[in-house]
Protein backbone atom coordinates (compact mmCIF):
# COMPACT_ATOMS: atom_id res chain seq x y z
CA MET A 1 -31.07 -11.33 -35.14
CA LEU A 2 -30.31 -7.64 -34.74
CA LEU A 3 -31.89 -6.01 -31.68
CA THR A 4 -32.37 -2.25 -31.57
CA ILE A 5 -32.24 -0.54 -28.17
CA VAL A 6 -34.19 2.72 -28.29
CA ILE A 7 -33.21 5.00 -25.39
CA ALA A 8 -35.42 8.02 -24.71
CA SER A 9 -33.42 10.88 -23.20
CA TYR A 10 -33.97 14.44 -22.01
CA ASN A 11 -31.13 16.62 -20.66
CA ARG A 12 -29.19 13.78 -19.02
CA LYS A 13 -26.01 13.89 -21.06
CA GLU A 14 -23.66 12.41 -18.46
CA VAL A 15 -26.12 9.76 -17.32
CA LEU A 16 -26.65 8.76 -20.94
CA ARG A 17 -22.89 8.58 -21.49
CA GLN A 18 -22.60 6.14 -18.57
CA LEU A 19 -25.41 4.02 -19.98
CA LEU A 20 -23.83 3.82 -23.43
CA ASP A 21 -20.47 2.93 -21.91
CA GLY A 22 -22.10 0.15 -19.87
CA LEU A 23 -23.64 -1.41 -22.99
CA LYS A 24 -20.15 -2.48 -24.06
CA GLN A 25 -20.44 -5.27 -21.48
CA GLN A 26 -23.27 -7.10 -23.28
CA THR A 27 -22.64 -10.82 -23.77
CA ASP A 28 -24.42 -10.66 -27.15
CA PRO A 29 -22.77 -7.91 -29.22
CA VAL A 30 -25.26 -8.00 -32.11
CA PHE A 31 -27.32 -4.92 -31.36
CA GLU A 32 -27.60 -1.26 -32.27
CA VAL A 33 -28.62 1.79 -30.26
CA VAL A 34 -30.91 4.60 -31.35
CA VAL A 35 -31.08 7.44 -28.82
CA ALA A 36 -34.42 9.25 -29.01
CA VAL A 37 -33.60 12.77 -27.83
CA ASP A 38 -36.59 14.76 -26.61
CA GLY A 39 -35.33 18.26 -27.38
CA SER A 40 -32.34 18.20 -25.03
CA THR A 41 -30.46 21.48 -24.59
CA ASP A 42 -27.51 20.26 -22.50
CA GLY A 43 -25.18 19.20 -25.32
CA THR A 44 -26.50 15.64 -25.60
CA GLN A 45 -26.42 15.74 -29.40
CA ALA A 46 -22.74 16.75 -29.54
CA MET A 47 -21.87 14.06 -27.00
CA LEU A 48 -23.64 11.41 -29.11
CA THR A 49 -21.88 12.54 -32.28
CA GLU A 50 -18.53 12.17 -30.51
CA CYS A 51 -19.40 8.80 -28.94
CA ALA A 52 -20.55 7.38 -32.27
CA LYS A 53 -17.04 7.81 -33.70
CA SER A 54 -15.54 5.19 -31.35
CA SER A 55 -18.58 3.13 -30.32
CA SER A 56 -18.22 -0.67 -30.42
CA PHE A 57 -21.85 -0.93 -31.59
CA PRO A 58 -23.81 1.07 -34.18
CA LEU A 59 -25.01 4.28 -32.49
CA ARG A 60 -27.44 6.75 -34.04
CA TRP A 61 -29.78 9.38 -32.69
CA VAL A 62 -32.99 11.20 -33.58
CA ASP A 63 -34.29 14.41 -32.02
CA THR A 64 -37.81 15.78 -31.64
CA GLY A 65 -36.41 19.31 -31.57
CA LEU A 66 -39.19 20.20 -29.13
CA THR A 67 -37.41 22.10 -26.38
CA SER A 68 -40.41 23.68 -24.68
CA GLU A 69 -42.78 20.76 -24.18
CA TYR A 70 -42.86 17.15 -23.03
CA ALA A 71 -42.74 14.90 -26.12
CA LEU A 72 -41.66 11.49 -24.84
CA ALA A 73 -44.18 9.70 -27.08
CA VAL A 74 -42.88 11.53 -30.15
CA ALA A 75 -39.27 10.69 -29.25
CA ARG A 76 -39.97 7.00 -28.67
CA ASN A 77 -41.95 6.69 -31.90
CA MET A 78 -39.17 8.37 -33.88
CA GLY A 79 -36.66 5.94 -32.38
CA ILE A 80 -38.77 2.87 -33.12
CA ARG A 81 -39.38 3.94 -36.72
CA ALA A 82 -35.64 4.56 -37.19
CA ALA A 83 -34.72 1.11 -35.83
CA GLN A 84 -33.03 -1.29 -38.23
CA GLY A 85 -33.35 -4.30 -35.94
CA GLU A 86 -35.95 -7.03 -36.32
CA ALA A 87 -36.83 -6.56 -32.65
CA VAL A 88 -36.88 -3.33 -30.64
CA VAL A 89 -36.59 -2.76 -26.89
CA ILE A 90 -37.27 0.66 -25.35
CA LEU A 91 -35.45 2.07 -22.34
CA ASP A 92 -35.36 5.22 -20.28
CA ASP A 93 -31.94 6.81 -19.89
CA ASP A 94 -31.68 6.02 -16.17
CA SER A 95 -32.02 2.26 -16.79
CA PHE A 96 -28.75 0.33 -17.00
CA PRO A 97 -28.98 -3.17 -18.58
CA VAL A 98 -27.26 -6.19 -17.05
CA PRO A 99 -24.76 -7.99 -19.36
CA GLU A 100 -27.33 -10.63 -20.42
CA PHE A 101 -29.95 -8.03 -21.36
CA VAL A 102 -29.66 -8.26 -25.15
CA ALA A 103 -29.36 -12.05 -25.18
CA GLU A 104 -32.40 -12.50 -22.94
CA HIS A 105 -34.65 -10.19 -24.95
CA LYS A 106 -33.67 -12.01 -28.14
CA LYS A 107 -34.50 -15.36 -26.55
CA SER A 108 -37.93 -14.34 -25.31
CA VAL A 109 -39.31 -12.03 -28.02
CA ARG A 110 -42.58 -13.42 -29.43
CA ARG A 111 -45.00 -12.39 -32.16
CA ASN A 112 -48.01 -10.35 -31.04
CA THR A 113 -46.55 -10.12 -27.52
CA LEU A 114 -45.10 -7.32 -25.41
CA THR A 115 -42.22 -8.67 -23.32
CA GLY A 116 -41.50 -6.82 -20.12
CA GLY A 117 -38.11 -7.18 -18.49
CA SER A 118 -37.34 -6.98 -14.80
CA ARG A 119 -36.24 -3.81 -13.04
CA GLU A 120 -33.99 -3.63 -9.99
CA SER A 121 -33.12 -0.56 -7.95
CA ILE A 122 -29.52 0.39 -7.33
CA ASP A 123 -30.67 1.18 -3.78
CA PRO A 124 -30.78 -2.08 -1.73
CA SER A 125 -33.32 -0.53 0.63
CA ASP A 126 -35.83 0.08 -2.19
CA THR A 127 -38.26 -2.70 -1.25
CA GLU A 128 -41.11 -1.20 -3.28
CA LEU A 129 -39.55 -2.11 -6.62
CA LYS A 130 -38.64 -5.59 -5.36
CA ASP A 131 -42.25 -6.14 -4.31
CA LYS A 132 -43.48 -4.89 -7.66
CA MET A 133 -41.26 -7.27 -9.64
CA ARG A 134 -42.32 -10.14 -7.38
CA ALA A 135 -45.95 -9.26 -8.12
CA TYR A 136 -45.24 -9.28 -11.86
CA LEU A 137 -43.66 -12.75 -11.63
CA GLU A 138 -46.50 -14.13 -9.51
CA THR A 139 -49.10 -12.69 -11.89
CA TYR A 140 -47.54 -13.51 -15.26
CA GLY A 141 -45.02 -16.28 -14.54
CA ASP A 142 -41.74 -16.66 -16.42
CA CYS A 143 -42.05 -16.01 -20.17
CA GLN A 144 -45.65 -17.21 -20.44
CA PRO A 145 -47.50 -15.10 -23.04
CA GLN A 146 -51.05 -14.34 -21.92
CA LYS A 147 -53.73 -11.68 -21.88
CA PHE A 148 -53.02 -8.49 -19.98
CA LYS A 149 -54.35 -8.59 -16.44
CA PRO A 150 -54.03 -6.36 -13.39
CA VAL A 151 -50.97 -6.90 -11.22
CA PRO A 152 -51.89 -6.65 -7.51
CA LYS A 153 -51.47 -3.02 -6.34
CA TYR A 154 -50.39 -1.95 -9.85
CA LYS A 155 -52.90 -1.22 -12.60
CA TYR A 156 -50.61 -1.04 -15.60
CA VAL A 157 -47.50 -2.75 -16.93
CA VAL A 158 -44.67 -0.23 -17.28
CA GLU A 159 -43.40 0.42 -20.80
CA ASN A 160 -39.77 1.00 -19.77
CA ASN A 161 -37.72 -2.12 -20.67
CA THR A 162 -40.30 -3.64 -23.00
CA CYS A 163 -39.61 -5.44 -26.25
CA MET A 164 -41.50 -6.45 -29.40
CA PHE A 165 -40.71 -7.20 -33.01
CA LYS A 166 -40.53 -3.92 -34.91
CA GLU A 167 -43.48 -4.86 -37.11
CA ASP A 168 -45.55 -5.44 -33.96
CA TRP A 169 -44.55 -2.05 -32.54
CA LEU A 170 -45.75 -0.45 -35.76
CA ARG A 171 -48.92 -2.53 -35.83
CA SER A 172 -49.67 -1.48 -32.24
CA GLY A 173 -50.09 2.13 -33.35
CA LEU A 174 -47.12 3.18 -31.18
CA PHE A 175 -47.41 5.80 -28.43
CA ASN A 176 -50.07 8.51 -28.49
CA GLU A 177 -48.23 11.65 -29.57
CA SER A 178 -51.09 13.92 -28.53
CA ILE A 179 -50.26 13.21 -24.87
CA ARG A 180 -47.90 15.91 -23.63
CA GLU A 181 -48.21 15.19 -19.90
CA TYR A 182 -46.00 13.16 -17.61
CA GLY A 183 -47.33 9.73 -16.66
CA ARG A 184 -50.21 9.03 -19.08
CA ILE A 185 -48.36 7.59 -22.06
CA GLY A 186 -47.93 4.09 -20.65
CA GLN A 187 -51.53 3.82 -19.47
CA GLU A 188 -52.85 4.78 -22.91
CA PHE A 189 -50.46 2.33 -24.57
CA ASN A 190 -51.66 -0.51 -22.31
CA HIS A 191 -55.25 0.15 -23.35
CA GLU A 192 -54.35 0.14 -27.05
CA LEU A 193 -52.47 -3.17 -26.81
CA ILE A 194 -55.40 -4.78 -25.02
CA LYS A 195 -57.85 -3.46 -27.62
CA ARG A 196 -55.72 -4.81 -30.46
CA GLY A 197 -55.38 -8.28 -28.93
CA PHE A 198 -51.72 -8.21 -27.95
CA LEU A 199 -50.41 -10.49 -25.20
CA TYR A 200 -47.92 -9.81 -22.41
CA GLN A 201 -45.11 -11.87 -20.92
CA PHE A 202 -42.55 -11.19 -18.21
CA ASN A 203 -38.86 -12.11 -18.51
CA PRO A 204 -37.18 -11.71 -15.09
CA ARG A 205 -33.70 -12.18 -16.60
CA ALA A 206 -33.93 -9.31 -19.11
CA LYS A 207 -33.06 -6.97 -16.28
CA ILE A 208 -32.15 -3.32 -15.95
CA ILE A 209 -30.74 -1.55 -12.89
CA HIS A 210 -32.78 1.55 -12.16
CA HIS A 211 -30.69 4.38 -10.77
CA THR A 212 -33.03 5.91 -8.23
CA GLU A 213 -31.09 9.17 -8.06
CA PHE A 214 -32.31 9.85 -11.59
CA LYS A 215 -35.85 8.52 -11.13
CA GLN A 216 -38.78 10.89 -11.66
CA ASN A 217 -36.40 13.52 -12.98
CA GLN A 218 -37.67 16.98 -12.11
CA LEU A 219 -36.56 18.40 -15.44
CA TYR A 220 -39.03 16.16 -17.23
CA LYS A 221 -41.78 17.14 -14.83
CA ARG A 222 -41.11 20.83 -15.43
CA ALA A 223 -41.44 20.26 -19.16
CA THR A 224 -45.04 18.99 -18.89
CA SER A 225 -48.04 21.18 -19.49
CA THR A 226 -49.65 22.66 -16.38
CA ARG A 227 -53.03 23.19 -17.99
CA MET A 228 -54.44 19.80 -16.97
CA ASN A 229 -53.35 20.25 -13.35
CA ARG A 230 -55.02 23.65 -13.22
CA ALA A 231 -58.26 22.18 -14.59
CA LYS A 232 -58.15 19.41 -11.98
CA GLN A 233 -57.62 21.90 -9.17
CA LEU A 234 -60.53 24.02 -10.37
CA LEU A 235 -62.85 21.01 -10.64
CA ARG A 236 -61.82 19.68 -7.24
CA LYS A 237 -62.49 23.08 -5.65
CA ARG A 238 -65.84 23.87 -7.29
CA LEU A 239 -67.35 20.40 -7.81
CA PRO A 240 -65.69 18.06 -5.29
CA ALA A 241 -68.30 15.29 -5.60
CA LEU A 242 -67.94 15.16 -9.39
CA TYR A 243 -64.15 15.24 -9.07
CA ARG A 244 -64.19 12.21 -6.72
CA PHE A 245 -66.52 10.33 -9.06
CA LEU A 246 -64.32 11.01 -12.08
CA GLN A 247 -61.22 9.91 -10.17
CA THR A 248 -62.96 6.64 -9.28
CA VAL A 249 -63.87 6.02 -12.91
CA LYS A 250 -60.35 6.91 -14.06
CA ASN A 251 -58.76 4.47 -11.63
CA LYS A 252 -60.81 1.51 -12.81
CA VAL A 253 -59.05 -0.43 -15.53
CA GLU A 254 -60.95 -3.10 -17.41
CA TYR A 255 -59.00 -5.96 -18.96
CA ARG A 256 -61.07 -7.52 -21.73
């Protein structure tokens, strides 16, 4: 089975180059990579064109061409649609797969199920991510497809390092392209999967190493719209009671 790795990237040319170079170490070489460029202006496209000439695996890229706004959902959806693999896993460009990554995702992919892989920080002192992965394992077990449910302390499953069959990605409706703000895409996607009856499973061996020096990249944050933040500030200032109520409602997630 061919697995497509879709890597969303924004202005991280050298980080992305390291990630692509590291993929040569995969124990299962039957995979392709589609880089979903979100309007990068740092020469990423030229770097990818050069890398593709000597890559040991098929390497292609798509580009939103949107240089002035945050379009992660658009980029991911373009990458998924361009995938030629039967199964597709999505990654952020600061997430470096372990050598067994491809093999493990192929083993565990299931129909009608989103498979989440484990994430480990490159920083040994990052206990927060360790605790989070432990909570995932305790909540969902090891490759046991089941209904979505809240993980203690964490409301949503993270979409980075998740895998489904391509036809299931398409059937899910993909990511909401109207969202142009940092941080809401995954939450919306969780709700859609639940509504459509998808299951979730956790594979602790399909692991990526998260490079914390790249985490929460400020360039991405600067690319988001500030309109929503301004509206929140205005509401909080003029109608604080209503603001608190709306925040309470927003933070409640129902798993049906």
